[in-house]
PDB file of N, CA and C in Angstrom:
ATOM      1  N   MET A   1       7.154   3.951  11.992  1.00  0.00           N
ATOM      2  CA  MET A   1       6.710   2.424  10.974  1.00  0.00           C
ATOM      3  C   MET A   1       8.271   1.796  10.919  1.00  0.00           C
ATOM      4  N   ARG A   2       7.500   0.392  11.037  1.00  0.00           N
ATOM      5  CA  ARG A   2       9.347  -0.850  10.997  1.00  0.00           C
ATOM      6  C   ARG A   2       9.835  -1.069   9.855  1.00  0.00           C
ATOM      7  N   LYS A   3      10.424  -1.224   9.384  1.00  0.00           N
ATOM      8  CA  LYS A   3      11.043  -1.679   8.420  1.00  0.00           C
ATOM      9  C   LYS A   3      10.870  -3.451   7.767  1.00  0.00           C
ATOM     10  N   LYS A   4      10.124  -3.756   6.359  1.00  0.00           N
ATOM     11  CA  LYS A   4       9.610  -4.902   6.458  1.00  0.00           C
ATOM     12  C   LYS A   4      11.223  -5.919   5.793  1.00  0.00           C
ATOM     13  N   PRO A   5      11.436  -6.381   6.372  1.00  0.00           N
ATOM     14  CA  PRO A   5      13.253  -7.503   6.782  1.00  0.00           C
ATOM     15  C   PRO A   5      12.388  -8.545   5.095  1.00  0.00           C
ATOM     16  N   ASP A   6      13.447  -7.973   4.047  1.00  0.00           N
ATOM     17  CA  ASP A   6      13.383  -8.418   2.343  1.00  0.00           C
ATOM     18  C   ASP A   6      13.606  -9.745   2.078  1.00  0.00           C
ATOM     19  N   ALA A   7      13.736 -10.322   1.160  1.00  0.00           N
ATOM     20  CA  ALA A   7      13.804 -12.000   0.455  1.00  0.00           C
ATOM     21  C   ALA A   7      14.788 -11.934   1.955  1.00  0.00           C
ATOM     22  N   ALA A   8      15.883 -11.563   1.111  1.00  0.00           N
ATOM     23  CA  ALA A   8      17.462 -12.004   0.606  1.00  0.00           C
ATOM     24  C   ALA A   8      17.956 -11.886   2.214  1.00  0.00           C
ATOM     25  N   PHE A   9      17.358 -10.792   2.495  1.00  0.00           N
ATOM     26  CA  PHE A   9      18.015 -10.922   4.456  1.00  0.00           C
ATOM     27  C   PHE A   9      17.482 -11.815   5.221  1.00  0.00           C
ATOM     28  N   LYS A  10      15.910 -12.558   4.838  1.00  0.00           N
ATOM     29  CA  LYS A  10      15.991 -13.525   5.416  1.00  0.00           C
ATOM     30  C   LYS A  10      16.164 -14.348   5.285  1.00  0.00           C
ATOM     31  N   ALA A  11      16.604 -14.674   4.459  1.00  0.00           N
ATOM     32  CA  ALA A  11      18.051 -15.713   3.963  1.00  0.00           C
ATOM     33  C   ALA A  11      18.886 -15.808   4.936  1.00  0.00           C
ATOM     34  N   LYS A  12      19.477 -14.601   4.299  1.00  0.00           N
ATOM     35  CA  LYS A  12      20.370 -14.418   5.313  1.00  0.00           C
ATOM     36  C   LYS A  12      21.326 -15.228   6.742  1.00  0.00           C
ATOM     37  N   VAL A  13      19.463 -14.566   7.338  1.00  0.00           N
ATOM     38  CA  VAL A  13      19.893 -14.964   8.451  1.00  0.00           C
ATOM     39  C   VAL A  13      19.157 -16.878   9.144  1.00  0.00           C
ATOM     40  N   ALA A  14      18.685 -16.981   8.019  1.00  0.00           N
ATOM     41  CA  ALA A  14      17.770 -18.056   7.790  1.00  0.00           C
ATOM     42  C   ALA A  14      19.172 -19.605   8.363  1.00  0.00           C
ATOM     43  N   LEU A  15      20.586 -19.119   6.648  1.00  0.00           N
ATOM     44  CA  LEU A  15      20.900 -20.054   6.694  1.00  0.00           C
ATOM     45  C   LEU A  15      22.344 -19.837   7.565  1.00  0.00           C
ATOM     46  N   GLU A  16      22.652 -18.900   7.819  1.00  0.00           N
ATOM     47  CA  GLU A  16      23.158 -18.579   9.734  1.00  0.00           C
ATOM     48  C   GLU A  16      22.642 -19.079  10.254  1.00  0.00           C
ATOM     49  N   VAL A  17      21.635 -19.395  10.678  1.00  0.00           N
ATOM     50  CA  VAL A  17      21.088 -20.612  11.638  1.00  0.00           C
ATOM     51  C   VAL A  17      21.245 -22.115  12.044  1.00  0.00           C
ATOM     52  N   VAL A  18      21.049 -21.670  10.162  1.00  0.00           N
ATOM     53  CA  VAL A  18      20.863 -24.215  10.096  1.00  0.00           C
ATOM     54  C   VAL A  18      22.394 -24.155  10.187  1.00  0.00           C
ATOM     55  N   ARG A  19      23.039 -22.973   9.236  1.00  0.00           N
ATOM     56  CA  ARG A  19      24.965 -23.173  10.291  1.00  0.00           C
ATOM     57  C   ARG A  19      25.388 -23.730  10.982  1.00  0.00           C
ATOM     58  N   GLY A  20      24.422 -22.513  12.390  1.00  0.00           N
ATOM     59  CA  GLY A  20      24.459 -23.601  13.238  1.00  0.00           C
ATOM     60  C   GLY A  20      25.801 -23.483  14.097  1.00  0.00           C
ATOM     61  N   GLU A  21      26.393 -22.505  13.203  1.00  0.00           N
ATOM     62  CA  GLU A  21      27.738 -21.174  13.783  1.00  0.00           C
ATOM     63  C   GLU A  21      27.062 -20.376  15.633  1.00  0.00           C
ATOM     64  N   LYS A  22      26.056 -19.582  14.894  1.00  0.00           N
ATOM     65  CA  LYS A  22      25.694 -18.850  16.617  1.00  0.00           C
ATOM     66  C   LYS A  22      24.254 -18.978  16.766  1.00  0.00           C
ATOM     67  N   THR A  23      24.398 -18.572  17.980  1.00  0.00           N
ATOM     68  CA  THR A  23      22.922 -19.488  18.410  1.00  0.00           C
ATOM     69  C   THR A  23      21.527 -18.549  17.607  1.00  0.00           C
ATOM     70  N   THR A  24      20.633 -19.213  17.885  1.00  0.00           N
ATOM     71  CA  THR A  24      19.100 -18.035  17.405  1.00  0.00           C
ATOM     72  C   THR A  24      19.012 -16.361  18.283  1.00  0.00           C
ATOM     73  N   SER A  25      20.024 -16.988  19.500  1.00  0.00           N
ATOM     74  CA  SER A  25      19.387 -15.497  20.350  1.00  0.00           C
ATOM     75  C   SER A  25      20.513 -14.650  19.298  1.00  0.00           C
ATOM     76  N   GLN A  26      22.291 -15.244  19.837  1.00  0.00           N
ATOM     77  CA  GLN A  26      22.809 -14.760  18.967  1.00  0.00           C
ATOM     78  C   GLN A  26      22.949 -13.209  17.899  1.00  0.00           C
ATOM     79  N   LEU A  27      22.160 -14.795  16.841  1.00  0.00           N
ATOM     80  CA  LEU A  27      21.903 -13.570  15.775  1.00  0.00           C
ATOM     81  C   LEU A  27      20.456 -12.462  15.732  1.00  0.00           C
ATOM     82  N   ALA A  28      20.209 -12.648  16.312  1.00  0.00           N
ATOM     83  CA  ALA A  28      18.707 -12.259  16.958  1.00  0.00           C
ATOM     84  C   ALA A  28      18.405 -10.998  17.548  1.00  0.00           C
ATOM     85  N   SER A  29      19.919 -10.643  18.225  1.00  0.00           N
ATOM     86  CA  SER A  29      20.654  -9.306  18.689  1.00  0.00           C
ATOM     87  C   SER A  29      21.938  -8.628  17.703  1.00  0.00           C
ATOM     88  N   GLU A  30      22.317  -9.991  17.063  1.00  0.00           N
ATOM     89  CA  GLU A  30      23.073  -8.854  15.871  1.00  0.00           C
ATOM     90  C   GLU A  30      22.228  -7.987  14.814  1.00  0.00           C
ATOM     91  N   TYR A  31      21.351  -8.324  14.783  1.00  0.00           N
ATOM     92  CA  TYR A  31      20.206  -8.541  13.853  1.00  0.00           C
ATOM     93  C   TYR A  31      19.158  -7.657  13.695  1.00  0.00           C
ATOM     94  N   GLY A  32      18.604  -7.219  15.753  1.00  0.00           N
ATOM     95  CA  GLY A  32      17.628  -6.848  15.173  1.00  0.00           C
ATOM     96  C   GLY A  32      16.322  -7.355  15.610  1.00  0.00           C
ATOM     97  N   VAL A  33      16.656  -8.988  15.345  1.00  0.00           N
ATOM     98  CA  VAL A  33      14.598  -9.706  15.221  1.00  0.00           C
ATOM     99  C   VAL A  33      14.677 -10.485  15.924  1.00  0.00           C
ATOM    100  N   HIS A  34      13.181 -10.901  16.092  1.00  0.00           N
ATOM    101  CA  HIS A  34      13.100 -11.429  17.639  1.00  0.00           C
ATOM    102  C   HIS A  34      13.375 -13.328  17.143  1.00  0.00           C
ATOM    103  N   PRO A  35      13.741 -13.740  18.496  1.00  0.00           N
ATOM    104  CA  PRO A  35      14.676 -15.535  18.067  1.00  0.00           C
ATOM    105  C   PRO A  35      13.679 -15.904  16.690  1.00  0.00           C
ATOM    106  N   ASN A  36      11.670 -15.012  17.520  1.00  0.00           N
ATOM    107  CA  ASN A  36      10.987 -16.328  16.968  1.00  0.00           C
ATOM    108  C   ASN A  36      10.495 -16.113  15.332  1.00  0.00           C
ATOM    109  N   GLN A  37      11.010 -15.100  15.521  1.00  0.00           N
ATOM    110  CA  GLN A  37      10.730 -15.225  13.472  1.00  0.00           C
ATOM    111  C   GLN A  37      12.256 -15.823  13.296  1.00  0.00           C
ATOM    112  N   ILE A  38      13.161 -15.235  13.593  1.00  0.00           N
ATOM    113  CA  ILE A  38      14.553 -16.420  13.551  1.00  0.00           C
ATOM    114  C   ILE A  38      13.666 -18.280  12.944  1.00  0.00           C
ATOM    115  N   GLY A  39      12.603 -18.019  13.865  1.00  0.00           N
ATOM    116  CA  GLY A  39      12.427 -19.744  13.730  1.00  0.00           C
ATOM    117  C   GLY A  39      11.577 -20.606  12.841  1.00  0.00           C
ATOM    118  N   GLN A  40      11.086 -19.352  12.357  1.00  0.00           N
ATOM    119  CA  GLN A  40      10.113 -19.279  11.804  1.00  0.00           C
ATOM    120  C   GLN A  40      10.492 -19.682  10.190  1.00  0.00           C
ATOM    121  N   TRP A  41      11.529 -18.862   9.751  1.00  0.00           N
ATOM    122  CA  TRP A  41      12.141 -18.492   9.271  1.00  0.00           C
ATOM    123  C   TRP A  41      13.475 -19.429   8.583  1.00  0.00           C
ATOM    124  N   LYS A  42      14.164 -20.197   9.854  1.00  0.00           N
ATOM    125  CA  LYS A  42      14.049 -21.239   9.779  1.00  0.00           C
ATOM    126  C   LYS A  42      13.762 -22.216   8.909  1.00  0.00           C
ATOM    127  N   LYS A  43      12.282 -22.630   9.825  1.00  0.00           N
ATOM    128  CA  LYS A  43      11.509 -23.883   9.376  1.00  0.00           C
ATOM    129  C   LYS A  43      10.830 -23.880   8.015  1.00  0.00           C
ATOM    130  N   ARG A  44      10.836 -22.031   7.114  1.00  0.00           N
ATOM    131  CA  ARG A  44      10.066 -22.292   6.041  1.00  0.00           C
ATOM    132  C   ARG A  44      11.588 -22.491   5.041  1.00  0.00           C
ATOM    133  N   LEU A  45      12.779 -22.077   5.875  1.00  0.00           N
ATOM    134  CA  LEU A  45      13.798 -22.512   4.363  1.00  0.00           C
ATOM    135  C   LEU A  45      13.949 -24.155   4.643  1.00  0.00           C
ATOM    136  N   LEU A  46      13.341 -24.751   5.507  1.00  0.00           N
ATOM    137  CA  LEU A  46      14.098 -26.058   5.818  1.00  0.00           C
ATOM    138  C   LEU A  46      13.109 -26.443   4.999  1.00  0.00           C
ATOM    139  N   GLU A  47      11.611 -25.942   5.315  1.00  0.00           N
ATOM    140  CA  GLU A  47      10.223 -27.235   5.258  1.00  0.00           C
ATOM    141  C   GLU A  47      10.665 -27.002   3.154  1.00  0.00           C
ATOM    142  N   GLU A  48      10.763 -25.857   2.029  1.00  0.00           N
ATOM    143  CA  GLU A  48      10.688 -25.471   1.087  1.00  0.00           C
ATOM    144  C   GLU A  48      11.593 -26.258   0.770  1.00  0.00           C
ATOM    145  N   LEU A  49      12.770 -25.794   0.889  1.00  0.00           N
ATOM    146  CA  LEU A  49      14.331 -26.091   0.288  1.00  0.00           C
ATOM    147  C   LEU A  49      14.311 -28.064  -0.226  1.00  0.00           C
ATOM    148  N   PRO A  50      14.181 -29.057   0.138  1.00  0.00           N
ATOM    149  CA  PRO A  50      13.539 -29.914  -1.017  1.00  0.00           C
ATOM    150  C   PRO A  50      13.312 -29.490  -2.114  1.00  0.00           C
ATOM    151  N   SER A  51      12.223 -29.097  -1.974  1.00  0.00           N
ATOM    152  CA  SER A  51      11.228 -28.897  -3.830  1.00  0.00           C
ATOM    153  C   SER A  51      11.989 -27.874  -4.736  1.00  0.00           C
ATOM    154  N   LEU A  52      13.449 -27.653  -3.904  1.00  0.00           N
ATOM    155  CA  LEU A  52      14.204 -26.201  -5.158  1.00  0.00           C
ATOM    156  C   LEU A  52      15.146 -27.537  -6.413  1.00  0.00           C
ATOM    157  N   PHE A  53      14.805 -28.454  -5.648  1.00  0.00           N
ATOM    158  CA  PHE A  53      16.087 -29.448  -6.285  1.00  0.00           C
ATOM    159  C   PHE A  53      15.333 -30.411  -6.998  1.00  0.00           C
ATOM    160  N   SER A  54      13.606 -30.468  -6.843  1.00  0.00           N
ATOM    161  CA  SER A  54      12.675 -31.090  -7.297  1.00  0.00           C
ATOM    162  C   SER A  54      12.889 -31.250  -9.090  1.00  0.00           C
ATOM    163  N   ASP A  55      12.011 -32.281  -9.452  1.00  0.00           N
ATOM    164  CA  ASP A  55      11.822 -32.530 -10.990  1.00  0.00           C
ATOM    165  C   ASP A  55      10.436 -31.662 -11.253  1.00  0.00           C
ATOM    166  N   ARG A  56       9.524 -31.707  -9.996  1.00  0.00           N
ATOM    167  CA  ARG A  56       8.179 -31.168 -10.693  1.00  0.00           C
ATOM    168  C   ARG A  56       8.952 -29.379 -11.429  1.00  0.00           C
ATOM    169  N   ARG A  57       9.464 -28.971 -10.173  1.00  0.00           N
ATOM    170  CA  ARG A  57      10.053 -27.485 -10.358  1.00  0.00           C
ATOM    171  C   ARG A  57      11.021 -27.366 -11.700  1.00  0.00           C
ATOM    172  N   LYS A  58      11.668 -28.374 -12.860  1.00  0.00           N
ATOM    173  CA  LYS A  58      12.244 -28.132 -13.759  1.00  0.00           C
ATOM    174  C   LYS A  58      10.562 -28.075 -14.566  1.00  0.00           C
ATOM    175  N   ARG A  59       9.455 -28.779 -14.211  1.00  0.00           N
ATOM    176  CA  ARG A  59       8.236 -29.368 -15.662  1.00  0.00           C
ATOM    177  C   ARG A  59       7.747 -27.614 -15.363  1.00  0.00           C
ATOM    178  N   GLU A  60       7.238 -26.937 -14.063  1.00  0.00           N
ATOM    179  CA  GLU A  60       6.396 -26.395 -13.610  1.00  0.00           C
ATOM    180  C   GLU A  60       7.918 -25.137 -14.216  1.00  0.00           C
ATOM    181  N   GLU A  61       8.915 -24.494 -14.581  1.00  0.00           N
ATOM    182  CA  GLU A  61       9.446 -23.905 -14.818  1.00  0.00           C
ATOM    183  C   GLU A  61       9.243 -23.656 -16.551  1.00  0.00           C
ATOM    184  N   LYS A  62       9.606 -24.766 -17.193  1.00  0.00           N
ATOM    185  CA  LYS A  62       8.965 -24.875 -18.290  1.00  0.00           C
ATOM    186  C   LYS A  62       7.199 -24.258 -19.082  1.00  0.00           C
TER     187      LYS A  62
END
């Protein structure tokens, strides 16, 4: 069975690809993850990041 990556690992890889210091293919080789998977993590990061700073989130936490 394959080990399922945890959230911290996904965030680390997604942030690295967003920074643009390495290509998706380079990161895929380095971390042993398929490039399409990294693309999905990047997409999710960019979609959910704005909600991190929204006022709605603060109201939900209270």
